C-alpha atoms as a PDB file:
ATOM      1  CA  UNK A   1     -14.240  29.939 -19.952  1.00  0.00           C
ATOM      2  CA  UNK A   2     -13.947  27.945 -16.001  1.00  0.00           C
ATOM      3  CA  UNK A   3     -10.673  28.291 -13.783  1.00  0.00           C
ATOM      4  CA  UNK A   4      -8.293  26.068 -14.189  1.00  0.00           C
ATOM      5  CA  UNK A   5      -7.141  23.361 -11.375  1.00  0.00           C
ATOM      6  CA  UNK A   6      -3.577  23.626 -10.274  1.00  0.00           C
ATOM      7  CA  UNK A   7      -2.458  19.933 -10.304  1.00  0.00           C
ATOM      8  CA  UNK A   8       0.829  18.176 -10.647  1.00  0.00           C
ATOM      9  CA  UNK A   9       2.899  15.291  -8.949  1.00  0.00           C
ATOM     10  CA  UNK A  10       5.874  15.350  -7.319  1.00  0.00           C
ATOM     11  CA  UNK A  11       8.246  12.059  -6.885  1.00  0.00           C
ATOM     12  CA  UNK A  12      11.462  11.903  -4.681  1.00  0.00           C
ATOM     13  CA  UNK A  13      13.351   8.769  -5.643  1.00  0.00           C
ATOM     14  CA  UNK A  14      16.053   7.636  -2.952  1.00  0.00           C
ATOM     15  CA  UNK A  15      19.425   6.028  -4.444  1.00  0.00           C
ATOM     16  CA  UNK A  16      21.413   3.913  -2.918  1.00  0.00           C
ATOM     17  CA  UNK A  17      24.732   5.747  -3.919  1.00  0.00           C
ATOM     18  CA  UNK A  18      26.605   9.299  -3.211  1.00  0.00           C
ATOM     19  CA  UNK A  19      28.903   8.521  -5.990  1.00  0.00           C
ATOM     20  CA  UNK A  20      29.493  12.415  -7.162  1.00  0.00           C
ATOM     21  CA  UNK A  21      29.926  10.234 -10.706  1.00  0.00           C
ATOM     22  CA  UNK A  22      26.950   8.336 -10.430  1.00  0.00           C
ATOM     23  CA  UNK A  23      24.767  11.282  -8.817  1.00  0.00           C
ATOM     24  CA  UNK A  24      25.463  13.246 -11.369  1.00  0.00           C
ATOM     25  CA  UNK A  25      24.312  10.539 -13.975  1.00  0.00           C
ATOM     26  CA  UNK A  26      21.361  10.179 -12.464  1.00  0.00           C
ATOM     27  CA  UNK A  27      20.659  13.850 -12.615  1.00  0.00           C
ATOM     28  CA  UNK A  28      21.094  13.862 -16.388  1.00  0.00           C
ATOM     29  CA  UNK A  29      18.506  11.228 -16.530  1.00  0.00           C
ATOM     30  CA  UNK A  30      16.447  12.819 -14.617  1.00  0.00           C
ATOM     31  CA  UNK A  31      16.314  16.048 -16.892  1.00  0.00           C
ATOM     32  CA  UNK A  32      14.264  19.036 -16.649  1.00  0.00           C
ATOM     33  CA  UNK A  33      11.923  16.997 -14.770  1.00  0.00           C
ATOM     34  CA  UNK A  34      14.326  17.082 -11.610  1.00  0.00           C
ATOM     35  CA  UNK A  35      14.295  20.605  -9.217  1.00  0.00           C
ATOM     36  CA  UNK A  36      16.655  19.155  -6.700  1.00  0.00           C
ATOM     37  CA  UNK A  37      19.425  16.730  -5.965  1.00  0.00           C
ATOM     38  CA  UNK A  38      20.373  15.879  -1.818  1.00  0.00           C
ATOM     39  CA  UNK A  39      23.489  13.699  -2.081  1.00  0.00           C
ATOM     40  CA  UNK A  40      25.050  12.246   1.575  1.00  0.00           C
ATOM     41  CA  UNK A  41      28.194  10.516   1.958  1.00  0.00           C
ATOM     42  CA  UNK A  42      27.726   8.939   5.092  1.00  0.00           C
ATOM     43  CA  UNK A  43      24.428   7.908   4.405  1.00  0.00           C
ATOM     44  CA  UNK A  44      25.245   6.669   1.080  1.00  0.00           C
ATOM     45  CA  UNK A  45      22.432   7.972  -0.373  1.00  0.00           C
ATOM     46  CA  UNK A  46      21.407  10.512  -2.810  1.00  0.00           C
ATOM     47  CA  UNK A  47      17.742  11.751  -2.956  1.00  0.00           C
ATOM     48  CA  UNK A  48      16.306  13.826  -6.386  1.00  0.00           C
ATOM     49  CA  UNK A  49      13.081  16.004  -6.232  1.00  0.00           C
ATOM     50  CA  UNK A  50      11.071  15.603  -9.377  1.00  0.00           C
ATOM     51  CA  UNK A  51       8.158  17.497 -10.548  1.00  0.00           C
ATOM     52  CA  UNK A  52       5.558  17.012 -13.450  1.00  0.00           C
ATOM     53  CA  UNK A  53       1.879  18.281 -14.347  1.00  0.00           C
ATOM     54  CA  UNK A  54       1.994  14.989 -16.663  1.00  0.00           C
ATOM     55  CA  UNK A  55       1.845  11.633 -14.665  1.00  0.00           C
ATOM     56  CA  UNK A  56       2.725   9.818 -17.096  1.00  0.00           C
ATOM     57  CA  UNK A  57       6.050  11.743 -18.517  1.00  0.00           C
ATOM     58  CA  UNK A  58       6.440  11.607 -14.766  1.00  0.00           C
ATOM     59  CA  UNK A  59       6.563   7.674 -14.439  1.00  0.00           C
ATOM     60  CA  UNK A  60       8.280   6.974 -17.373  1.00  0.00           C
ATOM     61  CA  UNK A  61      11.246   9.154 -16.129  1.00  0.00           C
ATOM     62  CA  UNK A  62      11.341   7.003 -12.954  1.00  0.00           C
ATOM     63  CA  UNK A  63      11.272   4.125 -14.729  1.00  0.00           C
ATOM     64  CA  UNK A  64      13.673   5.120 -17.064  1.00  0.00           C
ATOM     65  CA  UNK A  65      16.346   6.353 -13.803  1.00  0.00           C
ATOM     66  CA  UNK A  66      15.516   2.833 -12.370  1.00  0.00           C
ATOM     67  CA  UNK A  67      16.909   1.078 -15.113  1.00  0.00           C
ATOM     68  CA  UNK A  68      19.895   3.195 -14.915  1.00  0.00           C
ATOM     69  CA  UNK A  69      20.478   2.945 -11.269  1.00  0.00           C
ATOM     70  CA  UNK A  70      20.247  -0.609 -11.180  1.00  0.00           C
ATOM     71  CA  UNK A  71      23.034  -0.836 -14.186  1.00  0.00           C
ATOM     72  CA  UNK A  72      25.208   1.865 -12.267  1.00  0.00           C
ATOM     73  CA  UNK A  73      24.893   0.599  -8.574  1.00  0.00           C
ATOM     74  CA  UNK A  74      26.232  -2.514  -7.069  1.00  0.00           C
ATOM     75  CA  UNK A  75      24.667  -2.920  -3.742  1.00  0.00           C
ATOM     76  CA  UNK A  76      27.431  -5.370  -2.706  1.00  0.00           C
ATOM     77  CA  UNK A  77      29.468  -2.257  -3.467  1.00  0.00           C
ATOM     78  CA  UNK A  78      28.110   0.095  -1.779  1.00  0.00           C
ATOM     79  CA  UNK A  79      28.157   1.476   1.850  1.00  0.00           C
ATOM     80  CA  UNK A  80      26.549   3.912   4.232  1.00  0.00           C
ATOM     81  CA  UNK A  81      24.266   4.053   7.122  1.00  0.00           C
ATOM     82  CA  UNK A  82      20.869   4.145   5.952  1.00  0.00           C
ATOM     83  CA  UNK A  83      19.294   1.259   5.642  1.00  0.00           C
ATOM     84  CA  UNK A  84      18.484   0.078   2.340  1.00  0.00           C
ATOM     85  CA  UNK A  85      16.627  -2.864   0.076  1.00  0.00           C
ATOM     86  CA  UNK A  86      17.631  -1.490  -3.344  1.00  0.00           C
ATOM     87  CA  UNK A  87      19.471   0.242  -5.467  1.00  0.00           C
ATOM     88  CA  UNK A  88      16.894   2.680  -7.183  1.00  0.00           C
ATOM     89  CA  UNK A  89      15.786   2.025  -3.530  1.00  0.00           C
ATOM     90  CA  UNK A  90      12.155   4.238  -2.294  1.00  0.00           C
ATOM     91  CA  UNK A  91      10.332   5.793  -5.395  1.00  0.00           C
ATOM     92  CA  UNK A  92       7.316   7.521  -3.662  1.00  0.00           C
ATOM     93  CA  UNK A  93       4.039   9.369  -5.138  1.00  0.00           C
ATOM     94  CA  UNK A  94       2.956  12.380  -4.103  1.00  0.00           C
ATOM     95  CA  UNK A  95      -0.038  14.604  -5.516  1.00  0.00           C
ATOM     96  CA  UNK A  96       0.036  17.997  -5.098  1.00  0.00           C
ATOM     97  CA  UNK A  97      -2.466  20.948  -5.403  1.00  0.00           C
ATOM     98  CA  UNK A  98      -6.149  19.528  -6.550  1.00  0.00           C
ATOM     99  CA  UNK A  99      -4.447  15.992  -7.837  1.00  0.00           C
ATOM    100  CA  UNK A 100      -6.204  13.408  -5.852  1.00  0.00           C
ATOM    101  CA  UNK A 101      -4.384  10.860  -3.561  1.00  0.00           C
ATOM    102  CA  UNK A 102      -6.058   8.011  -5.617  1.00  0.00           C
ATOM    103  CA  UNK A 103      -4.323   8.499  -8.500  1.00  0.00           C
ATOM    104  CA  UNK A 104      -0.998   9.060  -7.643  1.00  0.00           C
ATOM    105  CA  UNK A 105      -1.518   5.960  -5.926  1.00  0.00           C
ATOM    106  CA  UNK A 106      -2.793   3.777  -8.617  1.00  0.00           C
ATOM    107  CA  UNK A 107       0.145   5.321 -10.680  1.00  0.00           C
ATOM    108  CA  UNK A 108       2.508   4.006  -7.967  1.00  0.00           C
ATOM    109  CA  UNK A 109       0.995   0.856  -8.373  1.00  0.00           C
ATOM    110  CA  UNK A 110       1.213   0.929 -11.997  1.00  0.00           C
ATOM    111  CA  UNK A 111       4.595   1.652 -11.832  1.00  0.00           C
ATOM    112  CA  UNK A 112       6.065  -0.813  -9.598  1.00  0.00           C
ATOM    113  CA  UNK A 113       4.225  -3.661 -11.892  1.00  0.00           C
ATOM    114  CA  UNK A 114       5.996  -2.200 -14.890  1.00  0.00           C
ATOM    115  CA  UNK A 115       9.285  -2.673 -13.255  1.00  0.00           C
ATOM    116  CA  UNK A 116       9.304  -6.379 -12.244  1.00  0.00           C
ATOM    117  CA  UNK A 117       7.752  -6.962 -15.358  1.00  0.00           C
ATOM    118  CA  UNK A 118      10.126  -4.978 -18.095  1.00  0.00           C
ATOM    119  CA  UNK A 119      13.155  -5.179 -15.404  1.00  0.00           C
ATOM    120  CA  UNK A 120      12.692  -8.618 -13.711  1.00  0.00           C
ATOM    121  CA  UNK A 121      13.375  -6.584 -10.625  1.00  0.00           C
ATOM    122  CA  UNK A 122      10.756  -7.411  -7.046  1.00  0.00           C
ATOM    123  CA  UNK A 123       8.815  -4.742  -5.763  1.00  0.00           C
ATOM    124  CA  UNK A 124       7.203  -3.479  -3.002  1.00  0.00           C
ATOM    125  CA  UNK A 125       4.219  -1.765  -2.614  1.00  0.00           C
ATOM    126  CA  UNK A 126       3.891   0.908   0.406  1.00  0.00           C
ATOM    127  CA  UNK A 127       1.678   3.383   2.553  1.00  0.00           C
ATOM    128  CA  UNK A 128      -1.068   4.510   0.223  1.00  0.00           C
ATOM    129  CA  UNK A 129      -0.068   2.245  -2.779  1.00  0.00           C
ATOM    130  CA  UNK A 130       0.081  -0.866  -0.328  1.00  0.00           C
ATOM    131  CA  UNK A 131      -2.442  -3.643  -1.018  1.00  0.00           C
ATOM    132  CA  UNK A 132      -2.852  -4.841   2.600  1.00  0.00           C
ATOM    133  CA  UNK A 133      -4.640  -3.775   5.250  1.00  0.00           C
ATOM    134  CA  UNK A 134      -3.302  -2.228   7.333  1.00  0.00           C
ATOM    135  CA  UNK A 135      -0.567  -0.712   4.777  1.00  0.00           C
ATOM    136  CA  UNK A 136       2.421  -1.830   4.427  1.00  0.00           C
ATOM    137  CA  UNK A 137       5.185   0.737   6.018  1.00  0.00           C
ATOM    138  CA  UNK A 138       8.568   0.861   4.628  1.00  0.00           C
ATOM    139  CA  UNK A 139       9.861  -0.315   8.213  1.00  0.00           C
ATOM    140  CA  UNK A 140       7.980  -3.533   7.608  1.00  0.00           C
ATOM    141  CA  UNK A 141      10.241  -4.160   4.272  1.00  0.00           C
ATOM    142  CA  UNK A 142      13.486  -2.928   5.580  1.00  0.00           C
ATOM    143  CA  UNK A 143      12.871  -5.497   8.743  1.00  0.00           C
ATOM    144  CA  UNK A 144      11.561  -8.681   6.311  1.00  0.00           C
ATOM    145  CA  UNK A 145       8.097  -8.263   7.673  1.00  0.00           C
ATOM    146  CA  UNK A 146       6.595  -7.694   3.847  1.00  0.00           C
ATOM    147  CA  UNK A 147       7.039  -9.842   1.130  1.00  0.00           C
ATOM    148  CA  UNK A 148       7.327  -8.123  -2.694  1.00  0.00           C
ATOM    149  CA  UNK A 149       4.050  -7.302  -3.778  1.00  0.00           C
ATOM    150  CA  UNK A 150       5.425  -8.160  -7.971  1.00  0.00           C
ATOM    151  CA  UNK A 151       8.197 -11.029  -8.191  1.00  0.00           C
ATOM    152  CA  UNK A 152      10.224 -12.492  -5.229  1.00  0.00           C
ATOM    153  CA  UNK A 153      10.418 -13.485  -2.986  1.00  0.00           C
ATOM    154  CA  UNK A 154      14.067 -13.980  -3.711  1.00  0.00           C
ATOM    155  CA  UNK A 155      16.058 -10.115  -4.397  1.00  0.00           C
ATOM    156  CA  UNK A 156      18.629  -9.098  -7.017  1.00  0.00           C
ATOM    157  CA  UNK A 157      21.895  -9.508  -5.516  1.00  0.00           C
ATOM    158  CA  UNK A 158      23.125  -6.803  -7.362  1.00  0.00           C
ATOM    159  CA  UNK A 159      20.478  -4.150  -7.867  1.00  0.00           C
ATOM    160  CA  UNK A 160      18.117  -5.448  -4.611  1.00  0.00           C
ATOM    161  CA  UNK A 161      14.556  -4.595  -5.239  1.00  0.00           C
ATOM    162  CA  UNK A 162      12.468  -1.278  -5.581  1.00  0.00           C
ATOM    163  CA  UNK A 163       9.825  -0.092  -2.794  1.00  0.00           C
ATOM    164  CA  UNK A 164       6.928   1.927  -4.490  1.00  0.00           C
ATOM    165  CA  UNK A 165       4.437   3.763  -2.277  1.00  0.00           C
ATOM    166  CA  UNK A 166       1.984   6.699  -2.344  1.00  0.00           C
ATOM    167  CA  UNK A 167       2.316   9.331   0.658  1.00  0.00           C
ATOM    168  CA  UNK A 168       1.206  13.132   1.062  1.00  0.00           C
ATOM    169  CA  UNK A 169       4.262  15.579   1.194  1.00  0.00           C
ATOM    170  CA  UNK A 170       6.585  15.429   4.111  1.00  0.00           C
ATOM    171  CA  UNK A 171       9.966  17.150   5.406  1.00  0.00           C
ATOM    172  CA  UNK A 172      12.795  14.751   5.448  1.00  0.00           C
ATOM    173  CA  UNK A 173      14.492  16.555   8.402  1.00  0.00           C
ATOM    174  CA  UNK A 174      17.796  16.151  10.643  1.00  0.00           C
ATOM    175  CA  UNK A 175      19.348  17.649  13.860  1.00  0.00           C
ATOM    176  CA  UNK A 176      22.701  17.396  14.664  1.00  0.00           C
ATOM    177  CA  UNK A 177      23.549  17.613  18.414  1.00  0.00           C
ATOM    178  CA  UNK A 178      27.584  17.418  18.924  1.00  0.00           C
ATOM    179  CA  UNK A 179      28.228  15.152  22.093  1.00  0.00           C
ATOM    180  CA  UNK A 180      25.130  13.513  21.630  1.00  0.00           C
ATOM    181  CA  UNK A 181      25.977   9.700  23.939  1.00  0.00           C
ATOM    182  CA  UNK A 182      24.262   6.310  22.185  1.00  0.00           C
ATOM    183  CA  UNK A 183      22.504   5.849  25.640  1.00  0.00           C
ATOM    184  CA  UNK A 184      20.597   9.661  24.969  1.00  0.00           C
ATOM    185  CA  UNK A 185      20.037   9.623  21.559  1.00  0.00           C
ATOM    186  CA  UNK A 186      18.205   6.473  22.084  1.00  0.00           C
ATOM    187  CA  UNK A 187      15.841   8.093  24.789  1.00  0.00           C
ATOM    188  CA  UNK A 188      15.574  11.058  21.934  1.00  0.00           C
ATOM    189  CA  UNK A 189      14.851   8.791  19.350  1.00  0.00           C
ATOM    190  CA  UNK A 190      11.947   7.208  21.529  1.00  0.00           C
ATOM    191  CA  UNK A 191      10.735  10.985  22.690  1.00  0.00           C
ATOM    192  CA  UNK A 192      11.004  12.095  18.467  1.00  0.00           C
ATOM    193  CA  UNK A 193       8.539   8.802  17.774  1.00  0.00           C
ATOM    194  CA  UNK A 194       5.866   9.736  20.701  1.00  0.00           C
ATOM    195  CA  UNK A 195       5.312  13.335  17.810  1.00  0.00           C
ATOM    196  CA  UNK A 196       2.029  12.203  15.513  1.00  0.00           C
ATOM    197  CA  UNK A 197       3.488  10.864  12.334  1.00  0.00           C
ATOM    198  CA  UNK A 198       6.976  11.218  13.292  1.00  0.00           C
ATOM    199  CA  UNK A 199       9.553   8.859  11.875  1.00  0.00           C
ATOM    200  CA  UNK A 200      12.808   9.026  13.616  1.00  0.00           C
ATOM    201  CA  UNK A 201      16.246   6.817  13.521  1.00  0.00           C
ATOM    202  CA  UNK A 202      19.710   7.480  15.384  1.00  0.00           C
ATOM    203  CA  UNK A 203      22.848   7.668  13.582  1.00  0.00           C
ATOM    204  CA  UNK A 204      25.772   8.433  16.008  1.00  0.00           C
ATOM    205  CA  UNK A 205      24.851  12.718  16.668  1.00  0.00           C
ATOM    206  CA  UNK A 206      22.488  12.799  14.174  1.00  0.00           C
ATOM    207  CA  UNK A 207      19.030  12.158  14.822  1.00  0.00           C
ATOM    208  CA  UNK A 208      17.413  11.667  11.137  1.00  0.00           C
ATOM    209  CA  UNK A 209      13.481  12.146  10.947  1.00  0.00           C
ATOM    210  CA  UNK A 210      10.561  11.957   8.308  1.00  0.00           C
ATOM    211  CA  UNK A 211       7.701  13.981   9.348  1.00  0.00           C
ATOM    212  CA  UNK A 212       4.964  12.555   7.518  1.00  0.00           C
ATOM    213  CA  UNK A 213       2.271  14.276   9.002  1.00  0.00           C
ATOM    214  CA  UNK A 214       2.796  17.783   8.651  1.00  0.00           C
ATOM    215  CA  UNK A 215      -0.362  19.329  10.582  1.00  0.00           C
ATOM    216  CA  UNK A 216      -0.036  17.691  14.228  1.00  0.00           C
ATOM    217  CA  UNK A 217       3.329  17.909  14.372  1.00  0.00           C
ATOM    218  CA  UNK A 218       6.109  19.992  12.046  1.00  0.00           C
ATOM    219  CA  UNK A 219       9.526  21.032  12.327  1.00  0.00           C
ATOM    220  CA  UNK A 220       8.453  23.252  15.028  1.00  0.00           C
ATOM    221  CA  UNK A 221       7.699  20.299  16.880  1.00  0.00           C
ATOM    222  CA  UNK A 222      10.514  18.387  16.164  1.00  0.00           C
ATOM    223  CA  UNK A 223      13.339  20.441  16.702  1.00  0.00           C
ATOM    224  CA  UNK A 224      11.477  21.348  20.618  1.00  0.00           C
ATOM    225  CA  UNK A 225      11.667  17.425  21.297  1.00  0.00           C
ATOM    226  CA  UNK A 226      15.060  17.175  19.600  1.00  0.00           C
ATOM    227  CA  UNK A 227      16.511  20.076  21.235  1.00  0.00           C
ATOM    228  CA  UNK A 228      15.425  19.207  24.855  1.00  0.00           C
ATOM    229  CA  UNK A 229      18.255  16.778  24.351  1.00  0.00           C
ATOM    230  CA  UNK A 230      21.058  19.047  23.324  1.00  0.00           C
ATOM    231  CA  UNK A 231      24.116  20.437  25.290  1.00  0.00           C
ATOM    232  CA  UNK A 232      25.495  22.437  22.947  1.00  0.00           C
ATOM    233  CA  UNK A 233      24.260  23.691  19.443  1.00  0.00           C
ATOM    234  CA  UNK A 234      21.315  22.397  17.873  1.00  0.00           C
ATOM    235  CA  UNK A 235      21.969  21.939  13.868  1.00  0.00           C
ATOM    236  CA  UNK A 236      19.595  21.356  11.261  1.00  0.00           C
ATOM    237  CA  UNK A 237      19.163  20.288   7.934  1.00  0.00           C
ATOM    238  CA  UNK A 238      16.880  19.304   5.475  1.00  0.00           C
ATOM    239  CA  UNK A 239      16.982  16.289   3.018  1.00  0.00           C
ATOM    240  CA  UNK A 240      15.210  17.376  -0.305  1.00  0.00           C
ATOM    241  CA  UNK A 241      12.733  20.381  -0.057  1.00  0.00           C
ATOM    242  CA  UNK A 242      10.579  21.757   2.239  1.00  0.00           C
ATOM    243  CA  UNK A 243       6.989  22.948   1.801  1.00  0.00           C
ATOM    244  CA  UNK A 244       6.484  26.791   2.462  1.00  0.00           C
ATOM    245  CA  UNK A 245       3.855  26.016   5.202  1.00  0.00           C
ATOM    246  CA  UNK A 246       6.860  24.065   7.570  1.00  0.00           C
ATOM    247  CA  UNK A 247       9.273  26.505   6.819  1.00  0.00           C
ATOM    248  CA  UNK A 248      10.227  27.948  10.058  1.00  0.00           C
ATOM    249  CA  UNK A 249      14.256  27.040   9.810  1.00  0.00           C
ATOM    250  CA  UNK A 250      17.137  29.053   8.504  1.00  0.00           C
ATOM    251  CA  UNK A 251      17.841  25.417   6.470  1.00  0.00           C
ATOM    252  CA  UNK A 252      14.425  26.230   4.462  1.00  0.00           C
ATOM    253  CA  UNK A 253      16.350  28.923   2.776  1.00  0.00           C
ATOM    254  CA  UNK A 254      16.869  28.222  -0.903  1.00  0.00           C
ATOM    255  CA  UNK A 255      14.932  24.804  -0.516  1.00  0.00           C
ATOM    256  CA  UNK A 256      11.091  25.476  -0.784  1.00  0.00           C
ATOM    257  CA  UNK A 257       9.024  23.058  -2.927  1.00  0.00           C
ATOM    258  CA  UNK A 258       6.532  25.806  -4.242  1.00  0.00           C
ATOM    259  CA  UNK A 259       9.878  28.060  -5.147  1.00  0.00           C
ATOM    260  CA  UNK A 260      12.048  25.510  -6.796  1.00  0.00           C
ATOM    261  CA  UNK A 261       8.485  24.213  -8.814  1.00  0.00           C
ATOM    262  CA  UNK A 262       8.260  27.957  -9.845  1.00  0.00           C
ATOM    263  CA  UNK A 263      11.790  28.684 -10.695  1.00  0.00           C
ATOM    264  CA  UNK A 264      11.890  25.411 -13.077  1.00  0.00           C
ATOM    265  CA  UNK A 265       8.235  26.541 -14.987  1.00  0.00           C
ATOM    266  CA  UNK A 266       9.717  30.303 -15.424  1.00  0.00           C
ATOM    267  CA  UNK A 267      12.928  29.023 -16.769  1.00  0.00           C
ATOM    268  CA  UNK A 268      10.570  27.121 -19.683  1.00  0.00           C
ATOM    269  CA  UNK A 269       7.649  29.627 -20.035  1.00  0.00           C
ATOM    270  CA  UNK A 270      10.537  32.579 -20.439  1.00  0.00           C
ATOM    271  CA  UNK A 271      12.608  30.269 -23.009  1.00  0.00           C
ATOM    272  CA  UNK A 272      14.150  32.457 -26.659  1.00  0.00           C
ATOM    273  CA  UNK A 273      12.837  33.830 -27.685  1.00  0.00           C
ATOM    274  CA  UNK A 274      12.183  35.556 -24.617  1.00  0.00           C
ATOM    275  CA  UNK A 275      15.103  38.079 -22.952  1.00  0.00           C
ATOM    276  CA  UNK A 276      17.536  35.404 -21.518  1.00  0.00           C
ATOM    277  CA  UNK A 277      18.317  37.551 -18.731  1.00  0.00           C
ATOM    278  CA  UNK A 278      15.011  38.324 -17.756  1.00  0.00           C
ATOM    279  CA  UNK A 279      14.839  34.339 -17.670  1.00  0.00           C
ATOM    280  CA  UNK A 280      17.638  33.647 -15.764  1.00  0.00           C
ATOM    281  CA  UNK A 281      17.026  36.225 -12.907  1.00  0.00           C
ATOM    282  CA  UNK A 282      13.454  35.417 -12.306  1.00  0.00           C
ATOM    283  CA  UNK A 283      13.732  31.214 -12.429  1.00  0.00           C
ATOM    284  CA  UNK A 284      16.828  31.686 -10.089  1.00  0.00           C
ATOM    285  CA  UNK A 285      14.836  34.552  -7.884  1.00  0.00           C
ATOM    286  CA  UNK A 286      12.056  31.621  -7.485  1.00  0.00           C
ATOM    287  CA  UNK A 287      14.284  28.858  -6.954  1.00  0.00           C
ATOM    288  CA  UNK A 288      16.278  30.540  -4.084  1.00  0.00           C
ATOM    289  CA  UNK A 289      13.203  31.460  -2.903  1.00  0.00           C
ATOM    290  CA  UNK A 290      14.337  32.357   1.506  1.00  0.00           C
ATOM    291  CA  UNK A 291      11.643  30.953   3.960  1.00  0.00           C
ATOM    292  CA  UNK A 292      10.743  34.853   5.433  1.00  0.00           C
ATOM    293  CA  UNK A 293       7.247  35.652   4.823  1.00  0.00           C
ATOM    294  CA  UNK A 294       7.553  38.835   2.487  1.00  0.00           C
ATOM    295  CA  UNK A 295      10.143  36.601  -0.070  1.00  0.00           C
ATOM    296  CA  UNK A 296       7.191  34.183   0.230  1.00  0.00           C
ATOM    297  CA  UNK A 297       4.743  37.006  -0.565  1.00  0.00           C
ATOM    298  CA  UNK A 298       7.066  38.794  -3.407  1.00  0.00           C
ATOM    299  CA  UNK A 299       7.798  35.108  -5.174  1.00  0.00           C
ATOM    300  CA  UNK A 300       3.342  35.374  -5.280  1.00  0.00           C
ATOM    301  CA  UNK A 301       3.612  38.888  -7.086  1.00  0.00           C
ATOM    302  CA  UNK A 302       5.980  37.121  -9.346  1.00  0.00           C
ATOM    303  CA  UNK A 303       4.257  33.967 -10.338  1.00  0.00           C
ATOM    304  CA  UNK A 304       1.064  36.363 -10.474  1.00  0.00           C
ATOM    305  CA  UNK A 305       2.798  38.634 -13.279  1.00  0.00           C
ATOM    306  CA  UNK A 306       3.842  35.172 -15.081  1.00  0.00           C
ATOM    307  CA  UNK A 307       0.348  33.994 -15.086  1.00  0.00           C
ATOM    308  CA  UNK A 308      -0.970  37.312 -16.147  1.00  0.00           C
ATOM    309  CA  UNK A 309       1.432  36.966 -18.942  1.00  0.00           C
ATOM    310  CA  UNK A 310       1.301  33.505 -20.318  1.00  0.00           C
ATOM    311  CA  UNK A 311      -2.737  33.671 -19.896  1.00  0.00           C
ATOM    312  CA  UNK A 312      -4.717  32.831 -22.808  1.00  0.00           C
ATOM    313  CA  UNK A 313      -1.477  31.764 -24.740  1.00  0.00           C
ATOM    314  CA  UNK A 314      -0.041  28.467 -26.502  1.00  0.00           C
ATOM    315  CA  UNK A 315      -2.068  25.439 -24.837  1.00  0.00           C
ATOM    316  CA  UNK A 316       1.899  24.250 -24.940  1.00  0.00           C
ATOM    317  CA  UNK A 317       2.653  26.067 -22.203  1.00  0.00           C
ATOM    318  CA  UNK A 318      -0.295  24.690 -20.156  1.00  0.00           C
ATOM    319  CA  UNK A 319       1.811  22.208 -17.977  1.00  0.00           C
ATOM    320  CA  UNK A 320       4.685  25.057 -16.625  1.00  0.00           C
ATOM    321  CA  UNK A 321       1.172  27.225 -15.681  1.00  0.00           C
ATOM    322  CA  UNK A 322      -0.236  24.652 -13.995  1.00  0.00           C
ATOM    323  CA  UNK A 323       2.957  24.446 -11.947  1.00  0.00           C
ATOM    324  CA  UNK A 324       2.961  27.524 -11.545  1.00  0.00           C
ATOM    325  CA  UNK A 325      -0.671  27.691 -10.136  1.00  0.00           C
ATOM    326  CA  UNK A 326       0.696  24.685  -8.050  1.00  0.00           C
ATOM    327  CA  UNK A 327       3.506  26.902  -6.688  1.00  0.00           C
ATOM    328  CA  UNK A 328       1.369  30.119  -5.447  1.00  0.00           C
ATOM    329  CA  UNK A 329      -0.964  27.477  -3.871  1.00  0.00           C
ATOM    330  CA  UNK A 330       1.762  26.384  -1.553  1.00  0.00           C
ATOM    331  CA  UNK A 331       3.017  29.585  -1.147  1.00  0.00           C
ATOM    332  CA  UNK A 332      -0.522  31.068  -0.139  1.00  0.00           C
ATOM    333  CA  UNK A 333      -0.965  28.663   2.886  1.00  0.00           C
ATOM    334  CA  UNK A 334       1.898  30.086   5.035  1.00  0.00           C
ATOM    335  CA  UNK A 335       0.673  34.091   4.465  1.00  0.00           C
ATOM    336  CA  UNK A 336      -1.752  35.459   6.621  1.00  0.00           C
ATOM    337  CA  UNK A 337      -4.928  35.285   6.140  1.00  0.00           C
ATOM    338  CA  UNK A 338      -6.140  38.764   4.657  1.00  0.00           C
ATOM    339  CA  UNK A 339      -3.155  38.630   2.162  1.00  0.00           C
ATOM    340  CA  UNK A 340      -3.934  35.020   1.113  1.00  0.00           C
ATOM    341  CA  UNK A 341      -7.707  36.255   0.551  1.00  0.00           C
ATOM    342  CA  UNK A 342      -5.881  39.575  -2.192  1.00  0.00           C
ATOM    343  CA  UNK A 343      -3.735  36.986  -4.154  1.00  0.00           C
ATOM    344  CA  UNK A 344      -6.279  34.520  -4.263  1.00  0.00           C
ATOM    345  CA  UNK A 345      -8.795  36.919  -5.610  1.00  0.00           C
ATOM    346  CA  UNK A 346      -5.928  38.469  -8.252  1.00  0.00           C
ATOM    347  CA  UNK A 347      -5.311  33.995  -9.061  1.00  0.00           C
ATOM    348  CA  UNK A 348      -8.701  33.484  -9.986  1.00  0.00           C
ATOM    349  CA  UNK A 349      -8.611  37.194 -11.903  1.00  0.00           C
ATOM    350  CA  UNK A 350      -6.129  35.285 -14.649  1.00  0.00           C
ATOM    351  CA  UNK A 351      -7.916  31.969 -14.364  1.00  0.00           C
ATOM    352  CA  UNK A 352      -6.942  29.731 -11.637  1.00  0.00           C
ATOM    353  CA  UNK A 353      -7.515  28.253  -8.754  1.00  0.00           C
ATOM    354  CA  UNK A 354      -6.734  24.933  -6.992  1.00  0.00           C
END
């Protein structure tokens, strides 16, 4: 039998509300695919993180979330400093592990078409899903430099439109500099935007960033530039989750993408009739994994043990085994080469590879 690859898909839908009741309903609708919820009252925004080994399952859940958001959220009544065009504002599809970006892009286009055809909400395609050359960016949509790809040109007065795209993994990273003056924050934004792939906005004392080219400019580089404008403490915050290879900030403790993926998969694999206490302990430890390298190495050991334990069992378990494989492959990228080599050999021994 050949080695099984590690492929999965992530989506990080952004909703234009931070109302706790509405957020709770969105979280419930996301179900077991949801591994993180981040709300910000000042921004009037909530970000969910969903991960699935099955792309059709993920797309169906995103469609239902868009339906719910368009029912619950009235843009005319929502407030917040973050720019927005819709109730279900932004829906990126992200390929993880060995999954192909082209497949994620095609899925984004399919979802955008379905939202327009079945719900009547105009949709924009952006990033890797864009049909334009050069590709449409979210900034183009927000500054009215692009027309909807499906529907429009008028947007729904209540729910607006939906931006659906494909992108690689990114880090949404905020730095707050107490006492930062408006003129200085404008200079800081310009300096941050000079870093490769850094999208930056200023909201008062907060510098809000998307780090989209992590191999060229990650948290280390962005923090250094932001801190150069500080006159006091540098306060860091992640919006959503962070790939382990970028987890150099204390803000990443308990917010590792791979840890949350592994924790969710372990919770299902160890469901009854397995020991419920063990299930809770293993899933919680993986989900709360810190950015410390020893913690990530220990997480790899736990994942390897789970893969070995369930190797060759019911094919029904395969989606969660694939998620564990995606998680360990991501964790390995943060470890020293020697440790990576040893752990990869053991991963292959249990029939897994990226």
